[in-house]
Amino acid sequence: MSFKDLDKAERGILRGLITGEGSTSEGLATGFISGDLSFFTGHHKKFSYAWDRLDGGQKAAVIELRELCHVDKFSESPSTIQSFVSDYIEWQKKKFVLEAEIKYLDSLKGDFDYEKAELHFKENLAPGFLDQAKECLSAHL
């Protein structure tokens, strides 16, 4: 495969990922691929509006790049164009909780039982972080 063989949508999205530049659609695609919420502003703050702004080629490229780069490692099945927005929201929630768990485990000092600490997080702390994720994402729903 040569990068010269990429279609226009794929090239635009790749350029946006690398340079941070491009059209509104390319910026939104970058947000969907990277998970960076700062790309979703103004009229395109809501994920469904942002997704509708992309054309079919861009939507397919977003899904394909996320799969190729293993971005959505929580999903049991690949997204479709129709399911992507709901899949993306679920991925954002899981990502938020996982990042909080990593910070929690990294903050533990000294000798500790990793499995007990992980279980403590999942049973006692994760629900609160999930609520925080939902609150954080609510502006985009």
N, C-alpha and C. Protein backbone atom coordinates (compact mmCIF):
# COMPACT_ATOMS: atom_id res chain seq x y z
N MET A 1 0.83 -1.18 0.00
CA MET A 1 0.00 0.00 0.00
C MET A 1 0.88 1.24 0.00
N SER A 2 0.46 2.20 -0.74
CA SER A 2 1.15 3.48 -0.80
C SER A 2 0.20 4.56 -0.28
N PHE A 3 0.74 5.52 0.42
CA PHE A 3 -0.10 6.62 0.89
C PHE A 3 -0.68 7.39 -0.28
N LYS A 4 -0.04 7.30 -1.42
CA LYS A 4 -0.56 7.96 -2.61
C LYS A 4 -1.85 7.32 -3.09
N ASP A 5 -2.10 6.07 -2.65
CA ASP A 5 -3.31 5.36 -3.05
C ASP A 5 -4.52 5.72 -2.19
N LEU A 6 -4.32 6.50 -1.14
CA LEU A 6 -5.44 6.88 -0.27
C LEU A 6 -6.41 7.76 -1.06
N ASP A 7 -7.69 7.62 -0.74
CA ASP A 7 -8.66 8.49 -1.41
C ASP A 7 -8.64 9.87 -0.73
N LYS A 8 -9.41 10.79 -1.28
CA LYS A 8 -9.39 12.18 -0.81
C LYS A 8 -9.76 12.27 0.68
N ALA A 9 -10.79 11.56 1.11
CA ALA A 9 -11.21 11.60 2.51
C ALA A 9 -10.11 11.08 3.42
N GLU A 10 -9.51 9.98 3.04
CA GLU A 10 -8.45 9.39 3.85
C GLU A 10 -7.24 10.30 3.96
N ARG A 11 -6.85 10.90 2.83
CA ARG A 11 -5.71 11.83 2.83
C ARG A 11 -5.99 13.03 3.72
N GLY A 12 -7.19 13.57 3.61
CA GLY A 12 -7.55 14.74 4.41
C GLY A 12 -7.54 14.44 5.90
N ILE A 13 -8.05 13.29 6.26
CA ILE A 13 -8.08 12.91 7.67
C ILE A 13 -6.66 12.66 8.18
N LEU A 14 -5.86 11.98 7.40
CA LEU A 14 -4.48 11.72 7.80
C LEU A 14 -3.71 13.03 7.95
N ARG A 15 -3.90 13.95 7.02
CA ARG A 15 -3.26 15.27 7.10
C ARG A 15 -3.69 15.99 8.38
N GLY A 16 -5.00 15.92 8.70
CA GLY A 16 -5.50 16.56 9.91
C GLY A 16 -4.91 15.95 11.17
N LEU A 17 -4.76 14.64 11.19
CA LEU A 17 -4.17 13.98 12.36
C LEU A 17 -2.72 14.39 12.56
N ILE A 18 -2.01 14.56 11.47
CA ILE A 18 -0.58 14.86 11.56
C ILE A 18 -0.33 16.34 11.82
N THR A 19 -1.03 17.21 11.09
CA THR A 19 -0.73 18.65 11.17
C THR A 19 -1.69 19.42 12.06
N GLY A 20 -2.85 18.84 12.35
CA GLY A 20 -3.86 19.57 13.11
C GLY A 20 -4.61 20.58 12.26
N GLU A 21 -4.38 20.55 10.96
CA GLU A 21 -5.02 21.50 10.04
C GLU A 21 -6.02 20.76 9.18
N GLY A 22 -6.86 21.54 8.52
CA GLY A 22 -7.81 20.96 7.59
C GLY A 22 -9.17 21.60 7.71
N SER A 23 -10.09 21.04 7.00
CA SER A 23 -11.46 21.56 7.00
C SER A 23 -12.15 21.23 8.32
N THR A 24 -13.34 21.77 8.48
CA THR A 24 -14.14 21.46 9.66
C THR A 24 -14.36 19.96 9.77
N SER A 25 -14.72 19.32 8.67
CA SER A 25 -14.96 17.88 8.68
C SER A 25 -13.71 17.10 9.06
N GLU A 26 -12.57 17.52 8.54
CA GLU A 26 -11.32 16.83 8.87
C GLU A 26 -10.97 17.00 10.34
N GLY A 27 -11.26 18.17 10.90
CA GLY A 27 -11.05 18.39 12.33
C GLY A 27 -11.96 17.51 13.17
N LEU A 28 -13.22 17.41 12.77
CA LEU A 28 -14.16 16.55 13.49
C LEU A 28 -13.73 15.10 13.41
N ALA A 29 -13.28 14.68 12.24
CA ALA A 29 -12.79 13.31 12.08
C ALA A 29 -11.61 13.07 13.02
N THR A 30 -10.71 14.03 13.12
CA THR A 30 -9.57 13.91 14.04
C THR A 30 -10.07 13.75 15.47
N GLY A 31 -11.08 14.51 15.85
CA GLY A 31 -11.66 14.37 17.19
C GLY A 31 -12.24 12.99 17.43
N PHE A 32 -12.91 12.46 16.43
CA PHE A 32 -13.49 11.12 16.57
C PHE A 32 -12.40 10.04 16.64
N ILE A 33 -11.31 10.24 15.94
CA ILE A 33 -10.24 9.24 15.96
C ILE A 33 -9.44 9.33 17.25
N SER A 34 -9.08 10.54 17.63
CA SER A 34 -8.19 10.72 18.78
C SER A 34 -8.91 10.72 20.12
N GLY A 35 -10.20 11.07 20.10
CA GLY A 35 -10.94 11.20 21.36
C GLY A 35 -10.80 12.56 21.99
N ASP A 36 -10.15 13.49 21.32
CA ASP A 36 -9.94 14.84 21.83
C ASP A 36 -11.23 15.64 21.70
N LEU A 37 -11.84 15.95 22.84
CA LEU A 37 -13.13 16.64 22.84
C LEU A 37 -13.03 18.09 22.40
N SER A 38 -11.83 18.66 22.37
CA SER A 38 -11.70 20.07 21.98
C SER A 38 -12.06 20.30 20.52
N PHE A 39 -12.15 19.26 19.71
CA PHE A 39 -12.55 19.41 18.32
C PHE A 39 -14.06 19.61 18.17
N PHE A 40 -14.82 19.34 19.23
CA PHE A 40 -16.28 19.41 19.15
C PHE A 40 -16.75 20.69 19.83
N THR A 41 -16.91 21.74 19.02
CA THR A 41 -17.30 23.04 19.54
C THR A 41 -18.41 23.64 18.68
N GLY A 42 -19.00 24.70 19.17
CA GLY A 42 -20.01 25.43 18.41
C GLY A 42 -21.14 24.54 17.95
N HIS A 43 -21.52 24.69 16.69
CA HIS A 43 -22.63 23.92 16.12
C HIS A 43 -22.33 22.43 16.15
N HIS A 44 -21.07 22.06 16.14
CA HIS A 44 -20.68 20.65 16.09
C HIS A 44 -20.28 20.12 17.46
N LYS A 45 -20.77 20.76 18.54
CA LYS A 45 -20.46 20.30 19.89
C LYS A 45 -21.09 18.94 20.16
N LYS A 46 -22.28 18.73 19.64
CA LYS A 46 -22.97 17.45 19.84
C LYS A 46 -22.39 16.42 18.87
N PHE A 47 -22.08 15.26 19.41
CA PHE A 47 -21.45 14.22 18.59
C PHE A 47 -22.30 13.85 17.38
N SER A 48 -23.60 13.79 17.56
CA SER A 48 -24.46 13.39 16.43
C SER A 48 -24.41 14.44 15.31
N TYR A 49 -24.37 15.73 15.66
CA TYR A 49 -24.26 16.78 14.64
C TYR A 49 -22.91 16.69 13.94
N ALA A 50 -21.87 16.47 14.73
CA ALA A 50 -20.53 16.37 14.17
C ALA A 50 -20.43 15.18 13.22
N TRP A 51 -21.01 14.05 13.62
CA TRP A 51 -20.97 12.84 12.78
C TRP A 51 -21.73 13.09 11.48
N ASP A 52 -22.88 13.77 11.58
CA ASP A 52 -23.67 14.06 10.38
C ASP A 52 -22.94 15.01 9.43
N ARG A 53 -21.99 15.78 9.93
CA ARG A 53 -21.23 16.72 9.11
C ARG A 53 -20.26 15.99 8.17
N LEU A 54 -19.86 14.78 8.58
CA LEU A 54 -18.91 14.01 7.75
C LEU A 54 -19.64 13.33 6.60
N ASP A 55 -18.96 13.22 5.46
CA ASP A 55 -19.57 12.48 4.36
C ASP A 55 -19.29 10.98 4.55
N GLY A 56 -19.86 10.17 3.69
CA GLY A 56 -19.74 8.72 3.83
C GLY A 56 -18.31 8.23 3.81
N GLY A 57 -17.48 8.80 2.94
CA GLY A 57 -16.07 8.41 2.87
C GLY A 57 -15.31 8.75 4.14
N GLN A 58 -15.61 9.91 4.70
CA GLN A 58 -14.95 10.32 5.95
C GLN A 58 -15.38 9.43 7.11
N LYS A 59 -16.67 9.12 7.16
CA LYS A 59 -17.17 8.24 8.23
C LYS A 59 -16.50 6.87 8.15
N ALA A 60 -16.43 6.32 6.95
CA ALA A 60 -15.79 5.01 6.77
C ALA A 60 -14.31 5.08 7.15
N ALA A 61 -13.64 6.18 6.80
CA ALA A 61 -12.22 6.34 7.12
C ALA A 61 -12.00 6.45 8.63
N VAL A 62 -12.88 7.15 9.33
CA VAL A 62 -12.78 7.26 10.79
C VAL A 62 -12.87 5.87 11.42
N ILE A 63 -13.87 5.13 11.02
CA ILE A 63 -14.07 3.79 11.59
C ILE A 63 -12.87 2.89 11.26
N GLU A 64 -12.43 2.95 10.02
CA GLU A 64 -11.31 2.10 9.61
C GLU A 64 -10.02 2.47 10.34
N LEU A 65 -9.73 3.75 10.49
CA LEU A 65 -8.52 4.17 11.19
C LEU A 65 -8.56 3.79 12.66
N ARG A 66 -9.74 3.94 13.30
CA ARG A 66 -9.86 3.54 14.71
C ARG A 66 -9.61 2.05 14.86
N GLU A 67 -10.12 1.25 13.92
CA GLU A 67 -9.90 -0.19 13.97
C GLU A 67 -8.43 -0.51 13.70
N LEU A 68 -7.86 0.10 12.68
CA LEU A 68 -6.48 -0.15 12.29
C LEU A 68 -5.51 0.17 13.42
N CYS A 69 -5.78 1.24 14.15
CA CYS A 69 -4.90 1.68 15.24
C CYS A 69 -5.30 1.11 16.59
N HIS A 70 -6.31 0.26 16.61
CA HIS A 70 -6.80 -0.36 17.85
C HIS A 70 -7.18 0.69 18.89
N VAL A 71 -7.80 1.77 18.44
CA VAL A 71 -8.20 2.83 19.35
C VAL A 71 -9.29 2.34 20.29
N ASP A 72 -10.27 1.63 19.75
CA ASP A 72 -11.40 1.19 20.56
C ASP A 72 -11.18 -0.24 21.04
N LYS A 73 -10.28 -0.37 22.01
CA LYS A 73 -9.95 -1.71 22.49
C LYS A 73 -11.00 -2.27 23.44
N PHE A 74 -12.03 -1.50 23.77
CA PHE A 74 -13.08 -1.97 24.66
C PHE A 74 -14.21 -2.66 23.90
N SER A 75 -14.32 -2.39 22.63
CA SER A 75 -15.46 -2.86 21.85
C SER A 75 -15.31 -4.32 21.48
N GLU A 76 -16.42 -5.02 21.54
CA GLU A 76 -16.42 -6.43 21.17
C GLU A 76 -16.65 -6.62 19.67
N SER A 77 -17.24 -5.63 19.03
CA SER A 77 -17.46 -5.72 17.59
C SER A 77 -17.20 -4.35 16.97
N PRO A 78 -16.82 -4.33 15.71
CA PRO A 78 -16.52 -3.05 15.06
C PRO A 78 -17.77 -2.18 14.92
N SER A 79 -17.54 -0.89 14.94
CA SER A 79 -18.64 0.06 14.74
C SER A 79 -19.09 0.02 13.29
N THR A 80 -20.32 0.43 13.11
CA THR A 80 -20.85 0.67 11.77
C THR A 80 -21.13 2.16 11.67
N ILE A 81 -21.40 2.63 10.48
CA ILE A 81 -21.72 4.04 10.32
C ILE A 81 -22.95 4.40 11.17
N GLN A 82 -23.91 3.48 11.25
CA GLN A 82 -25.13 3.74 12.02
C GLN A 82 -24.90 3.69 13.53
N SER A 83 -24.00 2.83 14.00
CA SER A 83 -23.81 2.67 15.44
C SER A 83 -22.66 3.51 16.00
N PHE A 84 -21.93 4.21 15.14
CA PHE A 84 -20.69 4.83 15.58
C PHE A 84 -20.88 5.81 16.73
N VAL A 85 -21.85 6.70 16.66
CA VAL A 85 -21.98 7.74 17.70
C VAL A 85 -22.22 7.10 19.06
N SER A 86 -23.11 6.14 19.15
CA SER A 86 -23.35 5.50 20.44
C SER A 86 -22.13 4.69 20.89
N ASP A 87 -21.45 4.05 19.96
CA ASP A 87 -20.22 3.32 20.29
C ASP A 87 -19.15 4.29 20.79
N TYR A 88 -19.05 5.45 20.15
CA TYR A 88 -18.06 6.45 20.52
C TYR A 88 -18.32 6.98 21.94
N ILE A 89 -19.56 7.21 22.25
CA ILE A 89 -19.92 7.70 23.60
C ILE A 89 -19.53 6.66 24.65
N GLU A 90 -19.84 5.40 24.39
CA GLU A 90 -19.48 4.34 25.33
C GLU A 90 -17.96 4.24 25.46
N TRP A 91 -17.24 4.37 24.35
CA TRP A 91 -15.79 4.33 24.39
C TRP A 91 -15.24 5.48 25.23
N GLN A 92 -15.79 6.67 25.07
CA GLN A 92 -15.32 7.83 25.85
C GLN A 92 -15.52 7.58 27.35
N LYS A 93 -16.66 7.02 27.73
CA LYS A 93 -16.92 6.72 29.15
C LYS A 93 -15.89 5.72 29.68
N LYS A 94 -15.67 4.64 28.96
CA LYS A 94 -14.73 3.61 29.40
C LYS A 94 -13.31 4.15 29.46
N LYS A 95 -12.95 4.98 28.49
CA LYS A 95 -11.63 5.59 28.46
C LYS A 95 -11.42 6.48 29.68
N PHE A 96 -12.42 7.25 30.03
CA PHE A 96 -12.35 8.15 31.18
C PHE A 96 -12.11 7.35 32.46
N VAL A 97 -12.88 6.27 32.65
CA VAL A 97 -12.74 5.44 33.85
C VAL A 97 -11.39 4.74 33.87
N LEU A 98 -10.94 4.22 32.73
CA LEU A 98 -9.64 3.55 32.66
C LEU A 98 -8.51 4.52 33.00
N GLU A 99 -8.58 5.72 32.49
CA GLU A 99 -7.54 6.71 32.80
C GLU A 99 -7.53 7.03 34.29
N ALA A 100 -8.71 7.11 34.91
CA ALA A 100 -8.79 7.35 36.35
C ALA A 100 -8.21 6.17 37.13
N GLU A 101 -8.48 4.96 36.67
CA GLU A 101 -7.94 3.77 37.34
C GLU A 101 -6.41 3.76 37.26
N ILE A 102 -5.88 4.08 36.11
CA ILE A 102 -4.42 4.11 35.95
C ILE A 102 -3.80 5.15 36.90
N LYS A 103 -4.42 6.33 36.98
CA LYS A 103 -3.91 7.37 37.89
C LYS A 103 -3.98 6.90 39.34
N TYR A 104 -5.08 6.25 39.69
CA TYR A 104 -5.25 5.74 41.06
C TYR A 104 -4.16 4.71 41.38
N LEU A 105 -3.97 3.74 40.51
CA LEU A 105 -2.97 2.70 40.76
C LEU A 105 -1.56 3.28 40.78
N ASP A 106 -1.29 4.25 39.92
CA ASP A 106 0.02 4.89 39.90
C ASP A 106 0.28 5.71 41.16
N SER A 107 -0.79 6.17 41.80
CA SER A 107 -0.64 7.01 43.00
C SER A 107 -0.34 6.19 44.26
N LEU A 108 -0.57 4.90 44.20
CA LEU A 108 -0.33 4.05 45.37
C LEU A 108 1.17 3.92 45.60
N LYS A 109 1.56 4.09 46.83
CA LYS A 109 2.98 4.05 47.18
C LYS A 109 3.30 2.77 47.95
N GLY A 110 4.52 2.39 47.91
CA GLY A 110 4.99 1.26 48.71
C GLY A 110 4.51 -0.07 48.19
N ASP A 111 4.51 -1.02 49.08
CA ASP A 111 4.12 -2.39 48.74
C ASP A 111 2.61 -2.53 48.89
N PHE A 112 1.93 -2.87 47.82
CA PHE A 112 0.49 -3.05 47.87
C PHE A 112 0.10 -4.21 46.98
N ASP A 113 -1.06 -4.77 47.26
CA ASP A 113 -1.58 -5.88 46.46
C ASP A 113 -2.31 -5.28 45.27
N TYR A 114 -1.71 -5.43 44.11
CA TYR A 114 -2.26 -4.84 42.89
C TYR A 114 -3.69 -5.32 42.63
N GLU A 115 -3.93 -6.62 42.76
CA GLU A 115 -5.27 -7.16 42.48
C GLU A 115 -6.31 -6.61 43.43
N LYS A 116 -5.95 -6.44 44.71
CA LYS A 116 -6.89 -5.87 45.69
C LYS A 116 -7.15 -4.39 45.38
N ALA A 117 -6.11 -3.69 45.01
CA ALA A 117 -6.27 -2.27 44.67
C ALA A 117 -7.14 -2.11 43.44
N GLU A 118 -6.93 -2.97 42.47
CA GLU A 118 -7.73 -2.93 41.24
C GLU A 118 -9.20 -3.25 41.55
N LEU A 119 -9.42 -4.25 42.37
CA LEU A 119 -10.78 -4.63 42.77
C LEU A 119 -11.44 -3.49 43.56
N HIS A 120 -10.68 -2.88 44.46
CA HIS A 120 -11.20 -1.74 45.24
C HIS A 120 -11.64 -0.63 44.30
N PHE A 121 -10.82 -0.33 43.31
CA PHE A 121 -11.18 0.72 42.35
C PHE A 121 -12.47 0.36 41.63
N LYS A 122 -12.53 -0.84 41.08
CA LYS A 122 -13.70 -1.26 40.29
C LYS A 122 -14.98 -1.26 41.11
N GLU A 123 -14.90 -1.71 42.36
CA GLU A 123 -16.10 -1.82 43.19
C GLU A 123 -16.50 -0.50 43.84
N ASN A 124 -15.53 0.30 44.23
CA ASN A 124 -15.83 1.48 45.04
C ASN A 124 -15.66 2.82 44.34
N LEU A 125 -14.72 2.92 43.44
CA LEU A 125 -14.41 4.21 42.83
C LEU A 125 -14.92 4.36 41.40
N ALA A 126 -14.91 3.27 40.64
CA ALA A 126 -15.30 3.35 39.23
C ALA A 126 -16.70 3.93 39.02
N PRO A 127 -17.71 3.56 39.84
CA PRO A 127 -19.04 4.14 39.60
C PRO A 127 -19.04 5.68 39.67
N GLY A 128 -18.27 6.25 40.59
CA GLY A 128 -18.19 7.70 40.69
C GLY A 128 -17.51 8.32 39.48
N PHE A 129 -16.47 7.65 39.01
CA PHE A 129 -15.79 8.16 37.81
C PHE A 129 -16.67 8.02 36.57
N LEU A 130 -17.48 6.98 36.52
CA LEU A 130 -18.42 6.83 35.40
C LEU A 130 -19.43 7.97 35.42
N ASP A 131 -19.91 8.34 36.60
CA ASP A 131 -20.82 9.49 36.71
C ASP A 131 -20.14 10.77 36.23
N GLN A 132 -18.86 10.94 36.59
CA GLN A 132 -18.12 12.12 36.14
C GLN A 132 -17.98 12.12 34.61
N ALA A 133 -17.73 10.94 34.06
CA ALA A 133 -17.61 10.85 32.58
C ALA A 133 -18.91 11.24 31.92
N LYS A 134 -20.03 10.77 32.45
CA LYS A 134 -21.33 11.11 31.88
C LYS A 134 -21.58 12.60 31.96
N GLU A 135 -21.21 13.20 33.09
CA GLU A 135 -21.39 14.65 33.26
C GLU A 135 -20.52 15.42 32.27
N CYS A 136 -19.28 14.97 32.11
CA CYS A 136 -18.35 15.61 31.19
C CYS A 136 -18.84 15.52 29.74
N LEU A 137 -19.44 14.40 29.39
CA LEU A 137 -19.91 14.19 28.02
C LEU A 137 -21.29 14.77 27.77
N SER A 138 -22.02 15.12 28.79
CA SER A 138 -23.41 15.55 28.64
C SER A 138 -23.58 16.72 27.67
N ALA A 139 -22.61 17.60 27.60
CA ALA A 139 -22.70 18.74 26.68
C ALA A 139 -22.64 18.29 25.22
N HIS A 140 -22.15 17.08 25.00
CA HIS A 140 -21.97 16.58 23.64
C HIS A 140 -23.07 15.62 23.20
N LEU A 141 -24.05 15.40 24.05
CA LEU A 141 -25.11 14.43 23.74
C LEU A 141 -26.36 15.10 23.23
